[in-house]
Amino acid sequence: MVKKIEQPITGVEVVADAPPVEEPTAEIIHMHEKVERPEMLLGSTYKIKTPLSAHALYVTINDIVLNAGTQHELRRPFEVFINSKNMDHFQWIVALTRIISAVFRKGGDVTFLVDEMRSVFDPRGGYFKKGGRYTPSLVAEIGDVIETHLRSIGLLGPARPRTEINVAHEPKAKLKEVQVDEDDSGIPGDALHCSKCFAKAVVALDNCLTCLNCGESKCG
């Protein structure tokens, strides 16, 4: 289109649409099975000593750091290894470590492993850890180790205080009715199994059945 200019030109102004400014965006990497293993991983090793074996187990959990150096930096568990001089459980321990490592690399919420492993009970009976806390199986104690590690890297919040009754500090008058042979844990030999934590630690305190392991009481 041609437009005739009838007046002298006194100035020129160019108006143009400015191109949109593209803000730099960084791709946030989340944990999934296609994330390649780097040459070096950060790891922590935990020692498990049980009365079931003369040799300790050493659980090593290696973590991968995603989006390092950015505000989206995340530390996530990548793989787990369990070593011991005791070869009695070698086969199922190898299978367990491979399954757990596969779950770690799958990504998503992996905290469910803790509850799943704690719900495994040894048909031969569990054992009491140092301090008098009952552990239903070796698998459950490995679950405790995983929980400790997940809390240390921020995937789980701080541990809840456990409601436990320390037999050593209970008044002797409360244990008069249950003064029978005790094992090294201090739990009376005729204690019953608890319906909540499954520990054989239920005794009569003030005429009320109370679990010495988790504090569960029939009297509320």
C-alpha atoms as a PDB file:
ATOM      1  CA  MET A   1       0.000   0.000   0.000  1.00  0.00           C
ATOM      2  CA  VAL A   2       1.331   3.431  -0.983  1.00  0.00           C
ATOM      3  CA  LYS A   3       0.626   6.445   1.216  1.00  0.00           C
ATOM      4  CA  LYS A   4       1.309   9.983   0.024  1.00  0.00           C
ATOM      5  CA  ILE A   5       3.170  12.201   2.509  1.00  0.00           C
ATOM      6  CA  GLU A   6       1.903  15.753   2.179  1.00  0.00           C
ATOM      7  CA  GLN A   7       3.890  17.320   5.078  1.00  0.00           C
ATOM      8  CA  PRO A   8       7.667  17.521   5.577  1.00  0.00           C
ATOM      9  CA  ILE A   9       9.212  14.766   7.707  1.00  0.00           C
ATOM     10  CA  THR A  10      10.578  16.170  10.962  1.00  0.00           C
ATOM     11  CA  GLY A  11      11.492  12.952  12.788  1.00  0.00           C
ATOM     12  CA  VAL A  12      11.493   9.198  12.536  1.00  0.00           C
ATOM     13  CA  GLU A  13      10.446   6.685  15.216  1.00  0.00           C
ATOM     14  CA  VAL A  14      10.659   2.948  14.759  1.00  0.00           C
ATOM     15  CA  VAL A  15       8.236   0.851  16.766  1.00  0.00           C
ATOM     16  CA  ALA A  16       8.805  -2.891  16.834  1.00  0.00           C
ATOM     17  CA  ASP A  17       7.638  -5.710  19.052  1.00  0.00           C
ATOM     18  CA  ALA A  18      10.485  -6.792  21.364  1.00  0.00           C
ATOM     19  CA  PRO A  19      11.160 -10.536  21.265  1.00  0.00           C
ATOM     20  CA  PRO A  20      10.214 -12.337  24.484  1.00  0.00           C
ATOM     21  CA  VAL A  21      13.067 -12.813  26.898  1.00  0.00           C
ATOM     22  CA  GLU A  22      13.634 -16.483  27.539  1.00  0.00           C
ATOM     23  CA  GLU A  23      14.456 -17.165  31.141  1.00  0.00           C
ATOM     24  CA  PRO A  24      17.021 -19.898  31.632  1.00  0.00           C
ATOM     25  CA  THR A  25      15.369 -23.051  32.919  1.00  0.00           C
ATOM     26  CA  ALA A  26      17.169 -26.001  34.421  1.00  0.00           C
ATOM     27  CA  GLU A  27      15.846 -29.510  33.996  1.00  0.00           C
ATOM     28  CA  ILE A  28      15.085 -30.999  37.401  1.00  0.00           C
ATOM     29  CA  ILE A  29      16.216 -34.608  37.561  1.00  0.00           C
ATOM     30  CA  HIS A  30      14.139 -36.973  39.654  1.00  0.00           C
ATOM     31  CA  MET A  31      15.091 -40.471  40.705  1.00  0.00           C
ATOM     32  CA  HIS A  32      14.118 -43.179  38.211  1.00  0.00           C
ATOM     33  CA  GLU A  33      15.520 -46.470  36.929  1.00  0.00           C
ATOM     34  CA  LYS A  34      17.237 -44.849  33.932  1.00  0.00           C
ATOM     35  CA  VAL A  35      19.486 -42.611  36.034  1.00  0.00           C
ATOM     36  CA  GLU A  36      23.009 -43.860  35.380  1.00  0.00           C
ATOM     37  CA  ARG A  37      25.269 -44.738  38.258  1.00  0.00           C
ATOM     38  CA  PRO A  38      28.093 -42.188  38.615  1.00  0.00           C
ATOM     39  CA  GLU A  39      31.678 -43.246  39.203  1.00  0.00           C
ATOM     40  CA  MET A  40      31.487 -42.296  42.895  1.00  0.00           C
ATOM     41  CA  LEU A  41      28.631 -42.472  45.392  1.00  0.00           C
ATOM     42  CA  LEU A  42      28.389 -41.195  48.947  1.00  0.00           C
ATOM     43  CA  GLY A  43      27.786 -44.002  51.417  1.00  0.00           C
ATOM     44  CA  SER A  44      27.260 -44.883  55.058  1.00  0.00           C
ATOM     45  CA  THR A  45      27.984 -48.219  56.741  1.00  0.00           C
ATOM     46  CA  TYR A  46      26.031 -49.481  59.756  1.00  0.00           C
ATOM     47  CA  LYS A  47      27.001 -52.361  62.050  1.00  0.00           C
ATOM     48  CA  ILE A  48      24.416 -54.917  63.194  1.00  0.00           C
ATOM     49  CA  LYS A  49      25.366 -57.263  66.017  1.00  0.00           C
ATOM     50  CA  THR A  50      22.763 -59.805  67.037  1.00  0.00           C
ATOM     51  CA  PRO A  51      22.766 -62.677  69.538  1.00  0.00           C
ATOM     52  CA  LEU A  52      21.919 -64.976  66.617  1.00  0.00           C
ATOM     53  CA  SER A  53      25.467 -64.955  65.258  1.00  0.00           C
ATOM     54  CA  ALA A  54      29.001 -64.533  66.513  1.00  0.00           C
ATOM     55  CA  HIS A  55      29.762 -62.312  63.526  1.00  0.00           C
ATOM     56  CA  ALA A  56      28.342 -58.855  62.872  1.00  0.00           C
ATOM     57  CA  LEU A  57      26.602 -57.714  59.707  1.00  0.00           C
ATOM     58  CA  TYR A  58      27.668 -54.509  57.969  1.00  0.00           C
ATOM     59  CA  VAL A  59      24.999 -52.698  55.973  1.00  0.00           C
ATOM     60  CA  THR A  60      26.288 -50.131  53.472  1.00  0.00           C
ATOM     61  CA  ILE A  61      23.830 -47.747  51.790  1.00  0.00           C
ATOM     62  CA  ASN A  62      25.160 -45.623  48.922  1.00  0.00           C
ATOM     63  CA  ASP A  63      23.392 -42.399  47.901  1.00  0.00           C
ATOM     64  CA  ILE A  64      23.262 -40.472  44.643  1.00  0.00           C
ATOM     65  CA  VAL A  65      23.143 -36.650  44.626  1.00  0.00           C
ATOM     66  CA  LEU A  66      20.694 -35.276  42.043  1.00  0.00           C
ATOM     67  CA  ASN A  67      20.793 -31.680  40.721  1.00  0.00           C
ATOM     68  CA  ALA A  68      24.042 -31.028  42.584  1.00  0.00           C
ATOM     69  CA  GLY A  69      24.838 -27.383  43.230  1.00  0.00           C
ATOM     70  CA  THR A  70      21.286 -26.143  42.609  1.00  0.00           C
ATOM     71  CA  GLN A  71      18.355 -25.293  44.839  1.00  0.00           C
ATOM     72  CA  HIS A  72      16.811 -28.620  43.754  1.00  0.00           C
ATOM     73  CA  GLU A  73      19.696 -30.725  45.070  1.00  0.00           C
ATOM     74  CA  LEU A  74      18.481 -34.052  46.410  1.00  0.00           C
ATOM     75  CA  ARG A  75      20.260 -36.960  48.058  1.00  0.00           C
ATOM     76  CA  ARG A  76      18.543 -40.271  47.430  1.00  0.00           C
ATOM     77  CA  PRO A  77      19.494 -43.888  48.278  1.00  0.00           C
ATOM     78  CA  PHE A  78      20.787 -45.761  45.234  1.00  0.00           C
ATOM     79  CA  GLU A  79      22.035 -49.174  46.356  1.00  0.00           C
ATOM     80  CA  VAL A  80      22.624 -51.311  49.435  1.00  0.00           C
ATOM     81  CA  PHE A  81      25.193 -53.984  50.301  1.00  0.00           C
ATOM     82  CA  ILE A  82      25.303 -56.340  53.288  1.00  0.00           C
ATOM     83  CA  ASN A  83      28.509 -58.116  54.268  1.00  0.00           C
ATOM     84  CA  SER A  84      29.357 -60.598  57.016  1.00  0.00           C
ATOM     85  CA  LYS A  85      31.775 -63.405  57.794  1.00  0.00           C
ATOM     86  CA  ASN A  86      28.756 -65.564  58.551  1.00  0.00           C
ATOM     87  CA  MET A  87      27.690 -67.258  55.298  1.00  0.00           C
ATOM     88  CA  ASP A  88      24.580 -68.955  56.734  1.00  0.00           C
ATOM     89  CA  HIS A  89      22.243 -66.300  55.330  1.00  0.00           C
ATOM     90  CA  PHE A  90      24.264 -65.458  52.205  1.00  0.00           C
ATOM     91  CA  GLN A  91      21.652 -66.499  49.631  1.00  0.00           C
ATOM     92  CA  TRP A  92      18.657 -64.566  50.965  1.00  0.00           C
ATOM     93  CA  ILE A  93      20.793 -61.563  51.934  1.00  0.00           C
ATOM     94  CA  VAL A  94      22.052 -61.234  48.336  1.00  0.00           C
ATOM     95  CA  ALA A  95      18.460 -61.479  47.076  1.00  0.00           C
ATOM     96  CA  LEU A  96      17.309 -58.892  49.635  1.00  0.00           C
ATOM     97  CA  THR A  97      20.020 -56.374  48.722  1.00  0.00           C
ATOM     98  CA  ARG A  98      19.224 -56.648  45.004  1.00  0.00           C
ATOM     99  CA  ILE A  99      15.509 -56.148  45.576  1.00  0.00           C
ATOM    100  CA  ILE A 100      16.026 -53.164  47.893  1.00  0.00           C
ATOM    101  CA  SER A 101      18.521 -51.601  45.474  1.00  0.00           C
ATOM    102  CA  ALA A 102      16.016 -52.019  42.624  1.00  0.00           C
ATOM    103  CA  VAL A 103      13.337 -50.263  44.696  1.00  0.00           C
ATOM    104  CA  PHE A 104      15.762 -47.430  45.486  1.00  0.00           C
ATOM    105  CA  ARG A 105      16.591 -46.905  41.811  1.00  0.00           C
ATOM    106  CA  LYS A 106      12.929 -47.019  40.812  1.00  0.00           C
ATOM    107  CA  GLY A 107      12.413 -43.722  42.636  1.00  0.00           C
ATOM    108  CA  GLY A 108       9.265 -42.421  44.261  1.00  0.00           C
ATOM    109  CA  ASP A 109       8.441 -43.004  47.910  1.00  0.00           C
ATOM    110  CA  VAL A 110      10.770 -45.713  49.222  1.00  0.00           C
ATOM    111  CA  THR A 111       9.981 -45.177  52.901  1.00  0.00           C
ATOM    112  CA  PHE A 112       7.400 -47.992  52.818  1.00  0.00           C
ATOM    113  CA  LEU A 113      10.322 -50.461  52.943  1.00  0.00           C
ATOM    114  CA  VAL A 114      10.808 -49.714  56.627  1.00  0.00           C
ATOM    115  CA  ASP A 115       7.322 -50.875  57.676  1.00  0.00           C
ATOM    116  CA  GLU A 116       7.384 -53.827  55.290  1.00  0.00           C
ATOM    117  CA  MET A 117      10.670 -55.142  56.684  1.00  0.00           C
ATOM    118  CA  ARG A 118       9.663 -54.529  60.290  1.00  0.00           C
ATOM    119  CA  SER A 119       6.599 -56.712  59.779  1.00  0.00           C
ATOM    120  CA  VAL A 120       8.782 -59.786  59.090  1.00  0.00           C
ATOM    121  CA  PHE A 121       8.851 -62.126  62.082  1.00  0.00           C
ATOM    122  CA  ASP A 122      11.254 -65.002  62.581  1.00  0.00           C
ATOM    123  CA  PRO A 123       9.270 -68.217  63.294  1.00  0.00           C
ATOM    124  CA  ARG A 124      12.034 -69.238  65.724  1.00  0.00           C
ATOM    125  CA  GLY A 125      11.461 -66.055  67.711  1.00  0.00           C
ATOM    126  CA  GLY A 126      13.127 -62.662  67.783  1.00  0.00           C
ATOM    127  CA  TYR A 127      15.641 -61.226  70.209  1.00  0.00           C
ATOM    128  CA  PHE A 128      16.240 -58.252  72.436  1.00  0.00           C
ATOM    129  CA  LYS A 129      18.697 -55.614  71.307  1.00  0.00           C
ATOM    130  CA  LYS A 130      20.979 -53.742  73.642  1.00  0.00           C
ATOM    131  CA  GLY A 131      18.796 -51.570  75.828  1.00  0.00           C
ATOM    132  CA  GLY A 132      15.963 -54.102  76.028  1.00  0.00           C
ATOM    133  CA  ARG A 133      14.152 -53.299  72.764  1.00  0.00           C
ATOM    134  CA  TYR A 134      12.593 -56.336  71.098  1.00  0.00           C
ATOM    135  CA  THR A 135      13.399 -57.083  67.446  1.00  0.00           C
ATOM    136  CA  PRO A 136      11.218 -59.722  65.744  1.00  0.00           C
ATOM    137  CA  SER A 137      13.796 -60.759  63.118  1.00  0.00           C
ATOM    138  CA  LEU A 138      17.098 -59.926  61.457  1.00  0.00           C
ATOM    139  CA  VAL A 139      15.177 -58.540  58.472  1.00  0.00           C
ATOM    140  CA  ALA A 140      13.327 -56.175  60.821  1.00  0.00           C
ATOM    141  CA  GLU A 141      16.634 -54.901  62.198  1.00  0.00           C
ATOM    142  CA  ILE A 142      17.881 -54.233  58.665  1.00  0.00           C
ATOM    143  CA  GLY A 143      14.662 -52.244  58.269  1.00  0.00           C
ATOM    144  CA  ASP A 144      15.645 -50.228  61.364  1.00  0.00           C
ATOM    145  CA  VAL A 145      18.994 -49.458  59.727  1.00  0.00           C
ATOM    146  CA  ILE A 146      17.262 -48.268  56.541  1.00  0.00           C
ATOM    147  CA  GLU A 147      14.992 -46.039  58.635  1.00  0.00           C
ATOM    148  CA  THR A 148      18.014 -44.528  60.393  1.00  0.00           C
ATOM    149  CA  HIS A 149      19.643 -43.802  57.049  1.00  0.00           C
ATOM    150  CA  LEU A 150      16.518 -42.296  55.490  1.00  0.00           C
ATOM    151  CA  ARG A 151      16.208 -39.967  58.470  1.00  0.00           C
ATOM    152  CA  SER A 152      19.852 -38.940  58.146  1.00  0.00           C
ATOM    153  CA  ILE A 153      19.367 -37.813  54.509  1.00  0.00           C
ATOM    154  CA  GLY A 154      16.028 -36.111  55.144  1.00  0.00           C
ATOM    155  CA  LEU A 155      13.585 -38.571  53.554  1.00  0.00           C
ATOM    156  CA  LEU A 156      11.973 -39.200  56.942  1.00  0.00           C
ATOM    157  CA  GLY A 157      11.325 -36.771  59.748  1.00  0.00           C
ATOM    158  CA  PRO A 158      12.808 -37.038  63.237  1.00  0.00           C
ATOM    159  CA  ALA A 159      12.080 -40.243  65.099  1.00  0.00           C
ATOM    160  CA  ARG A 160       9.078 -40.240  67.396  1.00  0.00           C
ATOM    161  CA  PRO A 161       9.853 -40.783  71.062  1.00  0.00           C
ATOM    162  CA  ARG A 162       9.044 -44.362  71.986  1.00  0.00           C
ATOM    163  CA  THR A 163       6.873 -45.080  74.972  1.00  0.00           C
ATOM    164  CA  GLU A 164       8.868 -47.742  76.748  1.00  0.00           C
ATOM    165  CA  ILE A 165       9.019 -48.945  80.313  1.00  0.00           C
ATOM    166  CA  ASN A 166      12.472 -49.626  81.655  1.00  0.00           C
ATOM    167  CA  VAL A 167      12.254 -52.603  83.967  1.00  0.00           C
ATOM    168  CA  ALA A 168      15.442 -51.573  85.754  1.00  0.00           C
ATOM    169  CA  HIS A 169      13.808 -48.342  86.946  1.00  0.00           C
ATOM    170  CA  GLU A 170      10.394 -49.733  87.872  1.00  0.00           C
ATOM    171  CA  PRO A 171       9.620 -49.948  91.602  1.00  0.00           C
ATOM    172  CA  LYS A 172      10.257 -53.452  92.866  1.00  0.00           C
ATOM    173  CA  ALA A 173       6.786 -53.484  94.441  1.00  0.00           C
ATOM    174  CA  LYS A 174       5.191 -53.490  90.996  1.00  0.00           C
ATOM    175  CA  LEU A 175       7.054 -56.659  90.046  1.00  0.00           C
ATOM    176  CA  LYS A 176       6.280 -58.724  93.142  1.00  0.00           C
ATOM    177  CA  GLU A 177       3.743 -60.842  91.311  1.00  0.00           C
ATOM    178  CA  VAL A 178       6.142 -61.615  88.477  1.00  0.00           C
ATOM    179  CA  GLN A 179       9.352 -62.294  90.338  1.00  0.00           C
ATOM    180  CA  VAL A 180      10.488 -65.323  88.328  1.00  0.00           C
ATOM    181  CA  ASP A 181      13.589 -66.174  86.366  1.00  0.00           C
ATOM    182  CA  GLU A 182      14.620 -63.338  84.029  1.00  0.00           C
ATOM    183  CA  ASP A 183      16.838 -63.398  80.960  1.00  0.00           C
ATOM    184  CA  ASP A 184      19.591 -60.886  80.154  1.00  0.00           C
ATOM    185  CA  SER A 185      17.021 -58.354  78.944  1.00  0.00           C
ATOM    186  CA  GLY A 186      15.349 -58.126  82.365  1.00  0.00           C
ATOM    187  CA  ILE A 187      11.993 -59.425  81.051  1.00  0.00           C
ATOM    188  CA  PRO A 188      10.326 -61.978  83.367  1.00  0.00           C
ATOM    189  CA  GLY A 189      10.377 -65.503  82.026  1.00  0.00           C
ATOM    190  CA  ASP A 190       6.589 -65.967  82.216  1.00  0.00           C
ATOM    191  CA  ALA A 191       5.796 -62.801  80.269  1.00  0.00           C
ATOM    192  CA  LEU A 192       3.071 -62.993  77.621  1.00  0.00           C
ATOM    193  CA  HIS A 193       3.239 -61.916  73.981  1.00  0.00           C
ATOM    194  CA  CYS A 194       2.075 -58.396  73.195  1.00  0.00           C
ATOM    195  CA  SER A 195      -0.699 -58.059  70.605  1.00  0.00           C
ATOM    196  CA  LYS A 196       0.753 -54.736  69.407  1.00  0.00           C
ATOM    197  CA  CYS A 197       4.522 -55.235  69.077  1.00  0.00           C
ATOM    198  CA  PHE A 198       4.496 -59.067  69.372  1.00  0.00           C
ATOM    199  CA  ALA A 199       7.235 -58.990  71.991  1.00  0.00           C
ATOM    200  CA  LYS A 200       7.105 -61.506  74.800  1.00  0.00           C
ATOM    201  CA  ALA A 201       7.098 -58.745  77.379  1.00  0.00           C
ATOM    202  CA  VAL A 202       3.575 -58.444  78.832  1.00  0.00           C
ATOM    203  CA  VAL A 203       3.451 -58.609  82.636  1.00  0.00           C
ATOM    204  CA  ALA A 204       0.996 -57.572  85.347  1.00  0.00           C
ATOM    205  CA  LEU A 205       1.775 -54.120  86.743  1.00  0.00           C
ATOM    206  CA  ASP A 206      -0.696 -52.826  89.345  1.00  0.00           C
ATOM    207  CA  ASN A 207      -3.108 -55.598  88.315  1.00  0.00           C
ATOM    208  CA  CYS A 208      -2.991 -54.407  84.707  1.00  0.00           C
ATOM    209  CA  LEU A 209      -1.365 -56.259  81.822  1.00  0.00           C
ATOM    210  CA  THR A 210       1.340 -53.959  80.423  1.00  0.00           C
ATOM    211  CA  CYS A 211       3.955 -54.512  77.716  1.00  0.00           C
ATOM    212  CA  LEU A 212       7.442 -53.699  78.943  1.00  0.00           C
ATOM    213  CA  ASN A 213       8.626 -53.208  75.353  1.00  0.00           C
ATOM    214  CA  CYS A 214       6.141 -50.773  73.775  1.00  0.00           C
ATOM    215  CA  GLY A 215       4.083 -49.645  76.786  1.00  0.00           C
ATOM    216  CA  GLU A 216       0.776 -51.075  75.520  1.00  0.00           C
ATOM    217  CA  SER A 217      -1.625 -51.440  78.444  1.00  0.00           C
ATOM    218  CA  LYS A 218      -4.994 -53.174  78.749  1.00  0.00           C
ATOM    219  CA  CYS A 219      -6.067 -50.426  81.140  1.00  0.00           C
ATOM    220  CA  GLY A 220      -5.430 -47.634  78.659  1.00  0.00           C
END
